[in-house]
N, C-alpha and C. Protein backbone atom coordinates (compact mmCIF):
# COMPACT_ATOMS: atom_id res chain seq x y z
N MET A 1 112.09 -16.77 153.04
CA MET A 1 112.39 -15.41 152.79
C MET A 1 112.32 -14.94 151.28
N THR A 2 111.89 -13.65 151.13
CA THR A 2 112.06 -13.35 149.78
C THR A 2 113.31 -12.92 149.24
N GLU A 3 113.83 -12.80 147.94
CA GLU A 3 114.83 -12.35 147.55
C GLU A 3 115.45 -11.00 148.12
N LEU A 4 116.55 -10.97 148.61
CA LEU A 4 117.15 -9.95 149.13
C LEU A 4 117.47 -8.81 148.28
N LYS A 5 117.57 -7.43 148.61
CA LYS A 5 117.97 -6.28 147.77
C LYS A 5 119.32 -6.40 147.88
N ARG A 6 119.71 -5.84 146.76
CA ARG A 6 121.32 -5.75 146.67
C ARG A 6 121.97 -4.42 146.59
N ARG A 7 121.72 -3.80 147.67
CA ARG A 7 122.38 -2.41 147.80
C ARG A 7 123.90 -2.53 148.21
N PRO A 8 124.62 -1.78 147.90
CA PRO A 8 126.24 -1.86 148.09
C PRO A 8 126.47 -1.82 149.39
N LEU A 9 127.39 -2.51 149.86
CA LEU A 9 127.99 -2.77 151.28
C LEU A 9 128.89 -1.25 151.55
N PRO A 10 129.25 -1.12 152.90
CA PRO A 10 129.77 0.19 153.09
C PRO A 10 131.29 0.30 152.48
N HIS A 11 131.97 -1.04 152.54
CA HIS A 11 133.45 -1.15 152.28
C HIS A 11 133.36 -1.31 150.78
N ASP A 12 132.35 -1.50 150.15
CA ASP A 12 132.43 -1.49 148.53
C ASP A 12 133.06 -0.50 147.96
N PHE A 13 132.97 0.72 148.66
CA PHE A 13 133.49 2.16 147.94
C PHE A 13 134.92 2.21 148.45
N HIS A 14 135.36 1.29 149.31
CA HIS A 14 136.97 1.39 149.93
C HIS A 14 137.77 0.82 148.98
N PRO A 15 139.19 1.05 148.94
CA PRO A 15 139.97 0.42 148.26
C PRO A 15 139.98 -1.21 148.68
N PRO A 16 140.23 -2.05 147.75
CA PRO A 16 140.51 -3.58 148.21
C PRO A 16 141.52 -3.66 149.23
N VAL A 17 141.24 -4.37 150.18
CA VAL A 17 142.18 -5.03 151.26
C VAL A 17 142.08 -6.38 151.22
N PRO A 18 143.17 -6.98 151.91
CA PRO A 18 143.03 -8.52 152.17
C PRO A 18 142.05 -8.87 153.05
N SER A 19 141.60 -10.14 153.10
CA SER A 19 140.47 -10.60 154.05
C SER A 19 141.07 -11.44 155.04
N PHE A 20 140.33 -11.55 156.25
CA PHE A 20 140.69 -12.67 157.27
C PHE A 20 139.23 -13.15 157.58
N THR A 21 139.24 -13.89 158.81
CA THR A 21 137.98 -14.55 159.17
C THR A 21 137.40 -14.10 160.37
N VAL A 22 136.32 -13.78 160.38
CA VAL A 22 135.29 -13.57 161.55
C VAL A 22 134.15 -14.68 161.76
N THR A 23 133.90 -15.08 162.78
CA THR A 23 132.97 -16.12 163.13
C THR A 23 132.10 -15.67 164.34
N SER A 24 131.11 -16.25 164.43
CA SER A 24 130.07 -16.00 165.70
C SER A 24 129.49 -17.07 166.30
N GLU A 25 129.28 -17.32 167.56
CA GLU A 25 128.28 -18.24 168.05
C GLU A 25 126.94 -18.11 167.90
N ASP A 26 126.58 -16.83 167.46
CA ASP A 26 125.37 -16.30 167.52
C ASP A 26 124.83 -15.93 166.13
N ILE A 27 125.76 -15.92 165.20
CA ILE A 27 125.32 -15.61 163.61
C ILE A 27 125.79 -16.84 162.78
N GLU A 28 124.96 -17.26 162.03
CA GLU A 28 125.36 -18.22 161.04
C GLU A 28 125.61 -17.32 159.80
N PRO A 29 126.66 -17.57 158.97
CA PRO A 29 126.72 -16.82 157.82
C PRO A 29 125.40 -16.96 156.90
N GLY A 30 125.05 -15.85 156.44
CA GLY A 30 123.67 -15.95 155.68
C GLY A 30 122.35 -16.24 156.30
N GLY A 31 122.40 -16.95 157.65
CA GLY A 31 121.39 -17.31 158.46
C GLY A 31 120.52 -16.04 158.91
N VAL A 32 119.45 -16.34 159.64
CA VAL A 32 118.45 -15.50 160.21
C VAL A 32 119.09 -15.16 161.71
N LEU A 33 119.24 -13.89 161.88
CA LEU A 33 119.56 -13.21 163.36
C LEU A 33 118.61 -13.80 164.29
N LYS A 34 119.04 -14.11 165.42
CA LYS A 34 118.33 -14.65 166.53
C LYS A 34 117.87 -13.50 167.20
N GLY A 35 116.79 -13.95 167.98
CA GLY A 35 115.89 -12.91 168.76
C GLY A 35 116.76 -11.97 169.50
N ALA A 36 117.66 -12.30 170.10
CA ALA A 36 118.90 -11.56 171.03
C ALA A 36 119.51 -10.30 170.14
N GLN A 37 119.40 -10.44 168.92
CA GLN A 37 119.98 -9.38 167.78
C GLN A 37 118.93 -8.47 167.32
N VAL A 38 117.86 -8.53 167.72
CA VAL A 38 116.67 -7.91 167.21
C VAL A 38 116.49 -6.86 168.20
N TYR A 39 116.21 -5.50 167.87
CA TYR A 39 115.82 -4.50 168.68
C TYR A 39 114.99 -4.75 169.83
N ALA A 40 113.77 -5.40 169.28
CA ALA A 40 112.50 -5.47 170.42
C ALA A 40 112.72 -6.59 171.25
N ASP A 41 113.40 -7.56 170.86
CA ASP A 41 113.48 -8.88 171.32
C ASP A 41 114.68 -8.99 172.42
N GLY A 42 115.88 -8.22 172.13
CA GLY A 42 117.03 -8.54 173.16
C GLY A 42 117.87 -7.53 172.97
N ASN A 43 118.10 -7.14 171.64
CA ASN A 43 119.04 -5.89 171.63
C ASN A 43 120.55 -5.91 171.91
N ILE A 44 120.78 -7.34 171.86
CA ILE A 44 122.30 -7.77 172.37
C ILE A 44 123.12 -7.99 171.16
N SER A 45 124.23 -7.33 171.41
CA SER A 45 125.49 -7.49 170.47
C SER A 45 125.97 -9.00 170.30
N PRO A 46 126.07 -9.55 169.28
CA PRO A 46 126.44 -10.99 169.32
C PRO A 46 127.96 -11.28 169.59
N GLU A 47 128.31 -12.36 170.04
CA GLU A 47 129.81 -12.61 170.24
C GLU A 47 130.31 -12.95 168.73
N LEU A 48 131.46 -12.22 168.68
CA LEU A 48 132.37 -12.36 167.34
C LEU A 48 133.76 -12.63 167.86
N SER A 49 134.29 -13.52 166.96
CA SER A 49 135.84 -13.68 167.11
C SER A 49 136.50 -13.69 165.77
N TRP A 50 137.90 -13.37 165.78
CA TRP A 50 138.46 -13.27 164.35
C TRP A 50 139.90 -13.78 164.42
N GLU A 51 140.50 -13.99 163.20
CA GLU A 51 141.69 -14.73 163.30
C GLU A 51 142.09 -14.60 161.68
N GLY A 52 143.61 -14.73 161.64
CA GLY A 52 144.03 -14.58 160.35
C GLY A 52 144.38 -12.92 159.73
N PHE A 53 144.29 -12.20 160.68
CA PHE A 53 144.69 -10.80 160.13
C PHE A 53 146.14 -10.33 160.12
N PRO A 54 146.25 -9.50 159.39
CA PRO A 54 147.98 -9.14 159.24
C PRO A 54 148.68 -8.97 160.74
N ALA A 55 149.68 -9.37 160.70
CA ALA A 55 150.84 -9.32 161.67
C ALA A 55 150.95 -7.83 162.19
N GLU A 56 151.08 -6.80 161.49
CA GLU A 56 151.22 -5.66 161.67
C GLU A 56 149.79 -4.73 162.21
N THR A 57 148.79 -5.52 162.37
CA THR A 57 147.80 -4.81 162.91
C THR A 57 147.84 -4.26 164.34
N LYS A 58 147.60 -2.90 164.50
CA LYS A 58 147.71 -2.27 165.82
C LYS A 58 146.55 -2.26 166.50
N SER A 59 145.23 -2.37 165.88
CA SER A 59 143.94 -2.09 166.57
C SER A 59 142.78 -2.79 165.67
N PHE A 60 141.49 -2.88 166.19
CA PHE A 60 140.48 -3.32 165.30
C PHE A 60 139.35 -2.42 165.50
N ALA A 61 138.49 -2.38 164.60
CA ALA A 61 137.18 -1.68 164.42
C ALA A 61 136.00 -2.88 164.02
N VAL A 62 134.94 -2.90 164.72
CA VAL A 62 133.88 -3.49 164.53
C VAL A 62 132.48 -2.70 164.08
N THR A 63 131.93 -2.93 163.00
CA THR A 63 130.66 -2.11 162.67
C THR A 63 129.59 -3.18 162.33
N CYS A 64 128.54 -2.66 162.27
CA CYS A 64 127.37 -3.62 161.85
C CYS A 64 126.54 -2.42 161.11
N PHE A 65 126.03 -2.88 159.84
CA PHE A 65 125.38 -1.94 158.95
C PHE A 65 124.38 -2.70 158.11
N ASP A 66 123.26 -1.99 157.96
CA ASP A 66 122.18 -2.53 157.14
C ASP A 66 122.02 -1.80 155.97
N PRO A 67 122.49 -2.19 154.84
CA PRO A 67 122.62 -1.51 153.59
C PRO A 67 121.07 -1.49 153.09
N ASP A 68 120.18 -2.19 153.23
CA ASP A 68 118.89 -2.37 152.95
C ASP A 68 117.79 -1.54 153.46
N ALA A 69 118.20 -0.99 154.55
CA ALA A 69 117.42 0.16 155.17
C ALA A 69 116.64 1.06 154.22
N PRO A 70 115.50 1.51 154.42
CA PRO A 70 114.67 2.29 153.20
C PRO A 70 115.11 3.86 153.35
N THR A 71 116.49 4.13 153.65
CA THR A 71 116.97 5.32 153.96
C THR A 71 117.55 6.24 152.81
N GLY A 72 118.04 5.43 152.00
CA GLY A 72 118.86 5.89 150.70
C GLY A 72 120.16 6.03 151.24
N SER A 73 120.56 5.59 152.51
CA SER A 73 121.99 5.72 152.85
C SER A 73 122.24 4.42 153.65
N GLY A 74 121.41 3.31 154.01
CA GLY A 74 121.63 2.37 155.04
C GLY A 74 121.50 2.76 156.24
N PHE A 75 121.65 1.94 157.12
CA PHE A 75 121.61 2.50 158.74
C PHE A 75 122.60 1.40 159.50
N TRP A 76 123.37 2.41 160.34
CA TRP A 76 124.44 1.97 161.15
C TRP A 76 123.88 1.19 162.61
N HIS A 77 124.16 0.20 162.70
CA HIS A 77 123.55 -0.24 164.00
C HIS A 77 124.63 -0.59 165.14
N TRP A 78 125.96 -0.51 164.78
CA TRP A 78 127.10 -0.47 165.80
C TRP A 78 128.36 0.08 165.10
N VAL A 79 129.15 0.90 165.83
CA VAL A 79 130.47 1.36 165.33
C VAL A 79 131.26 1.32 166.76
N VAL A 80 132.27 0.47 166.71
CA VAL A 80 133.06 0.22 168.04
C VAL A 80 134.69 0.46 167.25
N PHE A 81 135.61 1.21 167.80
CA PHE A 81 136.98 1.05 167.25
C PHE A 81 138.02 1.31 168.62
N ASP A 82 139.03 1.26 168.17
CA ASP A 82 140.22 1.49 169.15
C ASP A 82 140.29 0.17 169.96
N ILE A 83 139.82 -0.98 169.28
CA ILE A 83 139.89 -2.24 170.23
C ILE A 83 141.58 -2.81 170.08
N PRO A 84 142.05 -2.97 171.21
CA PRO A 84 143.40 -3.49 171.28
C PRO A 84 143.74 -4.53 170.36
N ALA A 85 145.04 -4.47 169.73
CA ALA A 85 145.22 -5.59 168.75
C ALA A 85 145.48 -7.19 169.48
N SER A 86 145.57 -7.17 170.64
CA SER A 86 145.58 -8.38 171.51
C SER A 86 144.15 -8.89 171.71
N VAL A 87 143.21 -8.12 171.40
CA VAL A 87 141.97 -8.73 171.50
C VAL A 87 141.29 -9.20 170.39
N THR A 88 140.87 -10.51 170.37
CA THR A 88 140.45 -11.22 168.95
C THR A 88 139.12 -11.78 169.07
N SER A 89 138.45 -11.22 170.22
CA SER A 89 136.82 -11.82 170.14
C SER A 89 136.30 -10.70 171.12
N LEU A 90 134.81 -10.53 170.91
CA LEU A 90 134.06 -9.83 171.83
C LEU A 90 133.17 -10.81 172.11
N PRO A 91 132.58 -10.81 173.53
CA PRO A 91 131.55 -11.70 173.84
C PRO A 91 130.28 -11.14 173.59
N ALA A 92 129.27 -11.99 173.68
CA ALA A 92 127.72 -11.36 173.20
C ALA A 92 127.54 -10.29 174.54
N GLY A 93 127.09 -9.33 174.00
CA GLY A 93 126.55 -8.22 174.92
C GLY A 93 127.71 -7.24 175.18
N ALA A 94 128.78 -7.26 174.43
CA ALA A 94 129.82 -6.58 174.81
C ALA A 94 129.54 -4.89 174.39
N GLY A 95 128.65 -5.02 173.38
CA GLY A 95 128.23 -3.57 172.87
C GLY A 95 126.86 -3.14 173.47
N SER A 96 126.58 -3.99 174.63
CA SER A 96 124.91 -3.55 174.93
C SER A 96 125.11 -3.29 176.48
N GLY A 97 124.21 -2.61 176.85
CA GLY A 97 123.95 -2.47 178.44
C GLY A 97 125.11 -1.90 178.97
N LYS A 98 125.83 -2.91 180.03
CA LYS A 98 126.76 -2.35 180.70
C LYS A 98 128.11 -2.66 180.23
N PHE A 99 128.14 -3.16 178.86
CA PHE A 99 129.33 -3.23 177.94
C PHE A 99 130.28 -4.30 178.54
N ASP A 100 129.89 -5.09 179.28
CA ASP A 100 130.71 -6.49 179.69
C ASP A 100 131.41 -6.94 178.64
N GLY A 101 132.58 -7.01 178.72
CA GLY A 101 133.45 -7.78 177.91
C GLY A 101 134.05 -6.85 176.87
N LEU A 102 133.55 -5.36 176.83
CA LEU A 102 134.11 -4.47 175.75
C LEU A 102 135.49 -4.30 176.40
N PRO A 103 136.65 -4.30 175.66
CA PRO A 103 137.98 -3.93 176.04
C PRO A 103 138.27 -2.51 176.58
N GLU A 104 138.88 -2.33 177.62
CA GLU A 104 139.26 -0.88 177.97
C GLU A 104 139.99 -0.34 176.84
N GLY A 105 139.59 1.14 176.51
CA GLY A 105 140.01 1.91 175.51
C GLY A 105 139.16 1.80 174.32
N ALA A 106 138.45 1.07 174.21
CA ALA A 106 137.37 0.79 173.16
C ALA A 106 136.57 2.09 173.06
N ILE A 107 136.31 2.56 171.81
CA ILE A 107 135.22 3.71 171.74
C ILE A 107 133.92 3.38 170.95
N GLN A 108 132.89 3.51 171.56
CA GLN A 108 131.74 3.06 170.55
C GLN A 108 131.30 4.57 170.28
N ALA A 109 131.29 4.71 169.00
CA ALA A 109 130.53 5.96 168.33
C ALA A 109 129.03 5.75 168.31
N ARG A 110 128.43 6.79 168.13
CA ARG A 110 126.92 6.83 168.08
C ARG A 110 126.46 6.07 166.54
N ASN A 111 125.51 5.15 166.73
CA ASN A 111 124.84 4.59 165.81
C ASN A 111 123.46 5.22 165.12
N ASP A 112 123.02 4.88 164.27
CA ASP A 112 121.91 5.53 163.55
C ASP A 112 120.74 5.80 164.44
N TYR A 113 120.52 4.96 165.71
CA TYR A 113 119.46 5.10 166.53
C TYR A 113 119.93 6.33 167.56
N GLY A 114 121.06 6.88 167.24
CA GLY A 114 121.38 8.03 168.20
C GLY A 114 122.06 7.78 169.50
N THR A 115 122.32 6.36 169.78
CA THR A 115 122.88 6.07 170.86
C THR A 115 124.49 5.42 170.72
N LYS A 116 125.16 5.11 171.78
CA LYS A 116 126.51 4.77 171.82
C LYS A 116 126.63 3.30 172.33
N ASP A 117 126.00 2.37 171.55
CA ASP A 117 126.06 0.97 172.02
C ASP A 117 125.48 0.04 170.56
N PHE A 118 125.26 -0.87 170.83
CA PHE A 118 124.55 -1.96 169.61
C PHE A 118 123.09 -1.67 169.52
N GLY A 119 122.74 -1.42 168.57
CA GLY A 119 121.30 -1.56 168.16
C GLY A 119 120.64 -2.62 167.30
N GLY A 120 120.01 -3.30 167.69
CA GLY A 120 119.48 -4.54 167.01
C GLY A 120 118.76 -3.99 165.83
N ALA A 121 118.55 -5.40 165.06
CA ALA A 121 117.73 -5.31 163.78
C ALA A 121 116.38 -4.76 164.07
N ALA A 122 115.75 -3.95 163.13
CA ALA A 122 114.49 -3.61 163.28
C ALA A 122 114.01 -2.90 161.92
N PRO A 123 113.83 -3.95 161.02
CA PRO A 123 113.51 -3.46 159.66
C PRO A 123 111.96 -3.09 159.81
N PRO A 124 111.52 -2.27 158.79
CA PRO A 124 110.11 -1.80 159.04
C PRO A 124 109.22 -3.15 158.45
N PRO A 125 108.03 -3.23 159.18
CA PRO A 125 107.18 -4.32 158.81
C PRO A 125 106.87 -4.39 157.33
N GLY A 126 107.10 -5.62 156.82
CA GLY A 126 106.75 -5.78 155.34
C GLY A 126 107.63 -5.34 154.45
N ASP A 127 108.84 -4.75 155.04
CA ASP A 127 109.79 -4.36 153.87
C ASP A 127 110.80 -5.41 153.41
N GLY A 128 110.59 -6.73 153.70
CA GLY A 128 111.36 -7.59 152.94
C GLY A 128 112.68 -7.92 153.89
N PRO A 129 113.33 -8.81 153.56
CA PRO A 129 114.54 -9.27 154.46
C PRO A 129 115.72 -8.08 154.31
N HIS A 130 116.29 -7.92 155.14
CA HIS A 130 117.37 -7.03 155.48
C HIS A 130 118.69 -7.72 155.83
N ARG A 131 120.02 -7.20 155.23
CA ARG A 131 121.19 -7.91 155.55
C ARG A 131 121.66 -7.02 156.65
N TYR A 132 122.46 -7.65 157.63
CA TYR A 132 123.24 -6.87 158.64
C TYR A 132 124.41 -7.39 158.63
N VAL A 133 125.34 -6.39 158.15
CA VAL A 133 126.77 -6.72 157.69
C VAL A 133 127.75 -6.41 158.93
N PHE A 134 128.28 -7.48 159.64
CA PHE A 134 129.25 -7.08 160.71
C PHE A 134 130.43 -7.35 160.09
N THR A 135 131.12 -6.26 160.33
CA THR A 135 132.76 -5.98 159.72
C THR A 135 133.62 -5.71 160.82
N VAL A 136 134.71 -6.59 160.89
CA VAL A 136 135.91 -6.31 161.88
C VAL A 136 137.07 -5.73 160.91
N TYR A 137 137.59 -4.82 161.06
CA TYR A 137 138.52 -4.04 160.21
C TYR A 137 139.83 -4.23 161.18
N ALA A 138 140.84 -4.83 160.54
CA ALA A 138 142.37 -4.80 161.03
C ALA A 138 142.86 -3.49 160.63
N VAL A 139 143.20 -2.44 161.70
CA VAL A 139 143.54 -1.20 161.70
C VAL A 139 145.31 -1.00 161.83
N ASP A 140 145.79 -0.23 160.98
CA ASP A 140 147.05 0.09 160.94
C ASP A 140 147.64 1.22 162.04
N GLN A 141 146.86 1.56 162.93
CA GLN A 141 147.29 2.36 164.22
C GLN A 141 146.47 2.21 165.41
N GLU A 142 147.05 2.36 166.81
CA GLU A 142 146.30 2.20 167.95
C GLU A 142 145.29 2.75 168.02
N LYS A 143 145.20 4.07 167.72
CA LYS A 143 143.92 5.09 167.76
C LYS A 143 143.71 5.39 166.48
N LEU A 144 142.49 5.25 166.07
CA LEU A 144 141.94 5.69 164.61
C LEU A 144 141.70 7.02 164.57
N GLY A 145 141.56 7.80 165.58
CA GLY A 145 141.34 9.33 165.54
C GLY A 145 140.19 9.95 166.09
N PRO A 146 139.00 9.40 165.52
CA PRO A 146 137.73 10.02 165.87
C PRO A 146 137.33 9.49 167.43
N ASP A 147 136.50 10.51 168.09
CA ASP A 147 136.09 10.02 169.48
C ASP A 147 134.47 9.60 169.32
N ALA A 148 134.06 9.50 170.58
CA ALA A 148 132.76 8.72 170.81
C ALA A 148 131.60 9.70 170.17
N ASP A 149 131.73 10.88 169.67
CA ASP A 149 130.77 11.68 169.13
C ASP A 149 130.76 11.76 167.57
N ALA A 150 131.73 10.79 166.99
CA ALA A 150 131.93 10.90 165.70
C ALA A 150 130.67 10.10 164.95
N SER A 151 130.24 10.54 164.03
CA SER A 151 129.37 9.82 163.03
C SER A 151 129.91 8.54 162.51
N PRO A 152 128.99 7.62 162.07
CA PRO A 152 129.67 6.46 161.43
C PRO A 152 130.24 6.67 160.28
N ALA A 153 129.96 7.71 159.41
CA ALA A 153 130.39 8.15 158.31
C ALA A 153 131.96 8.61 158.41
N PHE A 154 132.12 9.34 159.59
CA PHE A 154 133.41 9.80 159.76
C PHE A 154 134.23 8.70 160.27
N VAL A 155 133.88 7.79 161.10
CA VAL A 155 134.66 6.54 161.40
C VAL A 155 135.03 5.76 160.02
N GLY A 156 133.82 5.41 159.33
CA GLY A 156 134.20 4.90 158.15
C GLY A 156 135.18 5.68 157.04
N PHE A 157 135.07 6.87 157.17
CA PHE A 157 136.20 7.96 156.27
C PHE A 157 137.43 7.51 156.75
N ASN A 158 137.75 7.50 158.03
CA ASN A 158 139.02 6.99 158.67
C ASN A 158 139.27 5.59 158.52
N LEU A 159 138.46 4.69 158.46
CA LEU A 159 138.92 3.32 158.25
C LEU A 159 139.15 3.04 156.72
N ARG A 160 138.60 3.78 155.77
CA ARG A 160 139.00 3.84 154.33
C ARG A 160 140.58 4.10 154.23
N PHE A 161 141.25 4.82 154.95
CA PHE A 161 142.65 4.94 154.86
C PHE A 161 143.47 4.28 155.74
N HIS A 162 142.73 3.41 156.69
CA HIS A 162 143.80 2.86 157.89
C HIS A 162 143.38 1.31 157.96
N ALA A 163 142.46 0.77 157.24
CA ALA A 163 142.13 -0.65 157.15
C ALA A 163 143.17 -1.57 156.36
N LEU A 164 143.98 -2.47 157.32
CA LEU A 164 144.85 -3.25 156.53
C LEU A 164 144.18 -4.54 155.88
N ALA A 165 143.17 -4.80 156.64
CA ALA A 165 142.36 -6.04 156.10
C ALA A 165 141.01 -5.96 156.73
N ARG A 166 139.93 -6.71 156.17
CA ARG A 166 138.53 -6.57 156.58
C ARG A 166 138.09 -8.14 156.57
N ALA A 167 137.19 -8.38 157.59
CA ALA A 167 136.49 -9.66 157.64
C ALA A 167 135.06 -9.28 157.77
N GLN A 168 133.97 -10.06 157.17
CA GLN A 168 132.68 -9.70 157.23
C GLN A 168 131.90 -10.99 157.58
N LEU A 169 130.81 -10.64 158.17
CA LEU A 169 129.66 -11.85 158.58
C LEU A 169 128.35 -11.07 158.21
N ILE A 170 127.58 -11.86 157.54
CA ILE A 170 126.30 -11.47 157.06
C ILE A 170 125.29 -12.27 157.58
N GLY A 171 124.40 -11.63 158.56
CA GLY A 171 123.21 -12.25 158.87
C GLY A 171 121.91 -11.67 158.23
N GLU A 172 120.56 -12.10 158.46
CA GLU A 172 119.54 -11.69 157.68
C GLU A 172 118.45 -11.31 158.73
N TYR A 173 117.65 -10.63 158.48
CA TYR A 173 116.25 -10.54 159.60
C TYR A 173 115.17 -9.77 158.69
N GLU A 174 114.00 -10.23 158.75
CA GLU A 174 112.90 -9.64 158.07
C GLU A 174 111.62 -9.77 159.29
N ASN A 175 111.08 -8.50 159.12
CA ASN A 175 109.64 -8.25 160.22
C ASN A 175 108.72 -8.44 159.16
N SER A 176 107.89 -9.72 158.85
CA SER A 176 107.11 -9.94 157.89
C SER A 176 105.66 -9.52 158.37
N ALA A 177 105.52 -8.72 159.56
CA ALA A 177 104.14 -8.51 159.81
C ALA A 177 103.91 -7.22 158.85
N GLN A 178 102.61 -7.02 158.63
CA GLN A 178 102.26 -5.70 157.75
C GLN A 178 102.07 -4.64 158.84
N SER A 179 102.53 -3.46 158.13
CA SER A 179 102.05 -2.39 159.14
C SER A 179 100.78 -1.72 159.06
């Protein structure tokens, strides 16, 4: 892989908060995303598990963002929030298709594909490697406020003021075919 672009991550503009741990059976930190997480090959949200978050956490939010998309503003692949505080993992596919494993009450906002689900990696051919930043937010309230019609920016605005802590896992993907 060629050297990654270093565009800011979405939470680089938020106040600092403590971190906790997020892991995945499907994503190795800094590794290449599997075909299942690629839009054309599987389009399946990865398994995610988290621990070490603050005791006062009342809910979670999960996002996937590509800061390297050639848009000037990145690309949101997944935005889900109001995950109950008792839930500390999402199985593979929870954000895809039938939403098996997505906890009751969780809300998926639209992504930049315009759908309310997980949209896999799909960088333009020959654009170089992109980072896919999966972030789990520990939230200080049970309901964040937005509804499923909210934009990722509006959800992020609310997370800026209600995140107690954050955990992130970054995978990479490159479509090396030339257009």
